[in-house]
Amino acid sequence: MLKRLKRDKSDRAFNKGYQVGLSGRSRDICPHQEPDLRQSWLSGWREGRVDNWEGMTGISGLHRMYNFSHSYSADLL
């Protein structure tokens, strides 16, 4: 049985921030105090806000987030 790899904390923070930004919510709700995780979350939030402004909501926004996750993981290899 294959073990499922746990994603990096900064990757998860980015994705959560992206979801919040895409939904149009405020960056003030960032849950992280640690500088690296906070920066990842805010970067995701910024990307999500841009996509929100460009009308990439719903499925198109989810596809974009999926591409972020996989391109980020490929960079680590």
N, C-alpha and C. Protein backbone atom coordinates (compact mmCIF):
# COMPACT_ATOMS: atom_id res chain seq x y z
N MET A 1 0.84 -1.17 0.00
CA MET A 1 0.00 0.00 0.00
C MET A 1 0.89 1.25 0.00
N LEU A 2 0.59 2.18 -0.85
CA LEU A 2 1.39 3.40 -0.94
C LEU A 2 1.02 4.38 0.14
N LYS A 3 2.04 4.97 0.72
CA LYS A 3 1.78 6.02 1.69
C LYS A 3 1.54 7.32 0.95
N ARG A 4 0.63 8.07 1.44
CA ARG A 4 0.35 9.36 0.83
C ARG A 4 1.32 10.38 1.40
N LEU A 5 2.00 11.09 0.53
CA LEU A 5 2.95 12.08 0.99
C LEU A 5 2.23 13.29 1.56
N LYS A 6 2.70 13.73 2.70
CA LYS A 6 2.11 14.91 3.31
C LYS A 6 2.72 16.13 2.66
N ARG A 7 1.88 17.04 2.25
CA ARG A 7 2.38 18.24 1.60
C ARG A 7 3.12 19.13 2.59
N ASP A 8 4.01 19.89 2.07
CA ASP A 8 4.78 20.84 2.85
C ASP A 8 3.83 21.85 3.51
N LYS A 9 4.16 22.28 4.73
CA LYS A 9 3.31 23.24 5.43
C LYS A 9 3.18 24.55 4.68
N SER A 10 4.25 25.00 4.04
CA SER A 10 4.17 26.26 3.31
C SER A 10 3.29 26.11 2.07
N ASP A 11 3.29 24.92 1.46
CA ASP A 11 2.41 24.66 0.31
C ASP A 11 0.95 24.68 0.75
N ARG A 12 0.68 24.07 1.88
CA ARG A 12 -0.69 24.08 2.40
C ARG A 12 -1.12 25.49 2.77
N ALA A 13 -0.22 26.27 3.37
CA ALA A 13 -0.54 27.64 3.73
C ALA A 13 -0.85 28.47 2.49
N PHE A 14 -0.04 28.30 1.43
CA PHE A 14 -0.28 29.00 0.17
C PHE A 14 -1.66 28.66 -0.37
N ASN A 15 -1.99 27.37 -0.41
CA ASN A 15 -3.28 26.94 -0.95
C ASN A 15 -4.45 27.47 -0.15
N LYS A 16 -4.33 27.47 1.17
CA LYS A 16 -5.40 28.01 2.01
C LYS A 16 -5.54 29.51 1.79
N GLY A 17 -4.42 30.21 1.70
CA GLY A 17 -4.46 31.65 1.43
C GLY A 17 -5.07 31.94 0.08
N TYR A 18 -4.75 31.10 -0.91
CA TYR A 18 -5.32 31.27 -2.25
C TYR A 18 -6.84 31.13 -2.19
N GLN A 19 -7.33 30.14 -1.48
CA GLN A 19 -8.77 29.93 -1.37
C GLN A 19 -9.46 31.13 -0.72
N VAL A 20 -8.83 31.69 0.31
CA VAL A 20 -9.40 32.85 0.99
C VAL A 20 -9.40 34.05 0.05
N GLY A 21 -8.31 34.27 -0.66
CA GLY A 21 -8.23 35.39 -1.60
C GLY A 21 -9.20 35.24 -2.74
N LEU A 22 -9.34 34.04 -3.25
CA LEU A 22 -10.26 33.77 -4.36
C LEU A 22 -11.71 34.04 -3.95
N SER A 23 -12.01 33.79 -2.68
CA SER A 23 -13.37 34.01 -2.21
C SER A 23 -13.64 35.48 -1.88
N GLY A 24 -12.58 36.32 -1.93
CA GLY A 24 -12.76 37.75 -1.72
C GLY A 24 -12.67 38.18 -0.27
N ARG A 25 -12.25 37.28 0.60
CA ARG A 25 -12.17 37.64 2.02
C ARG A 25 -10.87 38.38 2.32
N SER A 26 -10.82 38.99 3.48
CA SER A 26 -9.72 39.86 3.88
C SER A 26 -8.45 39.08 4.24
N ARG A 27 -7.31 39.70 3.98
CA ARG A 27 -6.03 39.08 4.36
C ARG A 27 -5.80 39.14 5.86
N ASP A 28 -6.60 39.93 6.55
CA ASP A 28 -6.47 40.06 8.01
C ASP A 28 -6.80 38.78 8.76
N ILE A 29 -7.40 37.81 8.07
CA ILE A 29 -7.75 36.57 8.76
C ILE A 29 -6.65 35.51 8.65
N CYS A 30 -5.47 35.92 8.23
CA CYS A 30 -4.34 34.98 8.14
C CYS A 30 -4.11 34.34 9.51
N PRO A 31 -4.13 33.00 9.57
CA PRO A 31 -4.02 32.32 10.86
C PRO A 31 -2.57 32.10 11.33
N HIS A 32 -1.59 32.45 10.54
CA HIS A 32 -0.20 32.11 10.85
C HIS A 32 0.55 33.27 11.49
N GLN A 33 1.36 32.94 12.48
CA GLN A 33 2.24 33.92 13.12
C GLN A 33 3.70 33.71 12.69
N GLU A 34 4.05 32.48 12.36
CA GLU A 34 5.41 32.17 11.91
C GLU A 34 5.66 32.87 10.58
N PRO A 35 6.76 33.65 10.48
CA PRO A 35 7.00 34.47 9.28
C PRO A 35 6.96 33.72 7.95
N ASP A 36 7.58 32.54 7.87
CA ASP A 36 7.60 31.81 6.60
C ASP A 36 6.21 31.34 6.18
N LEU A 37 5.45 30.82 7.12
CA LEU A 37 4.10 30.36 6.80
C LEU A 37 3.18 31.54 6.50
N ARG A 38 3.36 32.62 7.24
CA ARG A 38 2.55 33.82 6.99
C ARG A 38 2.83 34.36 5.59
N GLN A 39 4.09 34.37 5.19
CA GLN A 39 4.46 34.86 3.86
C GLN A 39 3.86 33.96 2.78
N SER A 40 3.90 32.65 2.97
CA SER A 40 3.31 31.73 2.00
C SER A 40 1.81 31.94 1.90
N TRP A 41 1.16 32.09 3.05
CA TRP A 41 -0.30 32.30 3.05
C TRP A 41 -0.65 33.60 2.34
N LEU A 42 0.09 34.68 2.64
CA LEU A 42 -0.19 35.96 2.00
C LEU A 42 0.10 35.94 0.50
N SER A 43 1.12 35.20 0.09
CA SER A 43 1.39 35.06 -1.35
C SER A 43 0.23 34.36 -2.04
N GLY A 44 -0.27 33.32 -1.41
CA GLY A 44 -1.44 32.63 -1.96
C GLY A 44 -2.66 33.53 -1.99
N TRP A 45 -2.83 34.31 -0.93
CA TRP A 45 -3.96 35.24 -0.86
C TRP A 45 -3.89 36.25 -2.01
N ARG A 46 -2.69 36.79 -2.26
CA ARG A 46 -2.53 37.75 -3.35
C ARG A 46 -2.88 37.13 -4.71
N GLU A 47 -2.39 35.93 -4.95
CA GLU A 47 -2.71 35.23 -6.20
C GLU A 47 -4.22 35.00 -6.32
N GLY A 48 -4.84 34.62 -5.22
CA GLY A 48 -6.28 34.39 -5.21
C GLY A 48 -7.07 35.65 -5.47
N ARG A 49 -6.62 36.77 -4.91
CA ARG A 49 -7.31 38.05 -5.14
C ARG A 49 -7.21 38.47 -6.60
N VAL A 50 -6.03 38.31 -7.18
CA VAL A 50 -5.85 38.65 -8.59
C VAL A 50 -6.78 37.81 -9.44
N ASP A 51 -6.84 36.51 -9.16
CA ASP A 51 -7.72 35.63 -9.92
C ASP A 51 -9.18 36.00 -9.71
N ASN A 52 -9.52 36.42 -8.49
CA ASN A 52 -10.88 36.86 -8.21
C ASN A 52 -11.22 38.09 -9.04
N TRP A 53 -10.31 39.05 -9.09
CA TRP A 53 -10.53 40.27 -9.86
C TRP A 53 -10.64 39.98 -11.35
N GLU A 54 -9.93 38.94 -11.81
CA GLU A 54 -9.96 38.57 -13.23
C GLU A 54 -11.11 37.63 -13.56
N GLY A 55 -11.93 37.34 -12.57
CA GLY A 55 -13.11 36.51 -12.81
C GLY A 55 -12.86 35.02 -12.80
N MET A 56 -11.72 34.59 -12.29
CA MET A 56 -11.42 33.15 -12.26
C MET A 56 -11.97 32.55 -10.96
N THR A 57 -13.26 32.43 -10.90
CA THR A 57 -13.88 31.83 -9.72
C THR A 57 -14.43 30.47 -10.10
N GLY A 58 -14.83 29.72 -9.13
CA GLY A 58 -15.38 28.39 -9.39
C GLY A 58 -14.32 27.41 -9.86
N ILE A 59 -14.64 26.65 -10.87
CA ILE A 59 -13.77 25.59 -11.36
C ILE A 59 -12.45 26.13 -11.90
N SER A 60 -12.49 27.26 -12.62
CA SER A 60 -11.24 27.79 -13.19
C SER A 60 -10.25 28.17 -12.09
N GLY A 61 -10.75 28.69 -10.98
CA GLY A 61 -9.88 29.01 -9.85
C GLY A 61 -9.29 27.77 -9.22
N LEU A 62 -10.09 26.71 -9.12
CA LEU A 62 -9.59 25.46 -8.55
C LEU A 62 -8.53 24.83 -9.45
N HIS A 63 -8.73 24.91 -10.75
CA HIS A 63 -7.73 24.38 -11.68
C HIS A 63 -6.42 25.14 -11.53
N ARG A 64 -6.51 26.43 -11.38
CA ARG A 64 -5.30 27.24 -11.20
C ARG A 64 -4.58 26.86 -9.91
N MET A 65 -5.31 26.66 -8.83
CA MET A 65 -4.70 26.27 -7.56
C MET A 65 -4.04 24.91 -7.71
N TYR A 66 -4.68 23.99 -8.42
CA TYR A 66 -4.11 22.67 -8.66
C TYR A 66 -2.78 22.79 -9.40
N ASN A 67 -2.72 23.68 -10.37
CA ASN A 67 -1.48 23.89 -11.12
C ASN A 67 -0.40 24.50 -10.25
N PHE A 68 -0.76 25.40 -9.31
CA PHE A 68 0.22 25.96 -8.39
C PHE A 68 0.85 24.85 -7.57
N SER A 69 0.01 23.96 -7.03
CA SER A 69 0.50 22.89 -6.16
C SER A 69 1.48 21.99 -6.90
N HIS A 70 1.13 21.63 -8.12
CA HIS A 70 1.99 20.71 -8.86
C HIS A 70 3.24 21.39 -9.40
N SER A 71 3.17 22.64 -9.76
CA SER A 71 4.38 23.31 -10.24
C SER A 71 5.32 23.56 -9.07
N TYR A 72 4.76 23.85 -7.90
CA TYR A 72 5.57 24.08 -6.71
C TYR A 72 6.28 22.79 -6.33
N SER A 73 5.55 21.68 -6.35
CA SER A 73 6.15 20.39 -6.01
C SER A 73 7.23 19.99 -7.00
N ALA A 74 7.03 20.28 -8.28
CA ALA A 74 8.02 19.93 -9.30
C ALA A 74 9.30 20.74 -9.11
N ASP A 75 9.17 21.98 -8.62
CA ASP A 75 10.34 22.80 -8.38
C ASP A 75 11.22 22.22 -7.28
N LEU A 76 10.61 21.50 -6.35
CA LEU A 76 11.36 20.94 -5.23
C LEU A 76 12.16 19.72 -5.65
N LEU A 77 11.77 19.06 -6.72
CA LEU A 77 12.45 17.84 -7.15
C LEU A 77 13.75 18.10 -7.84
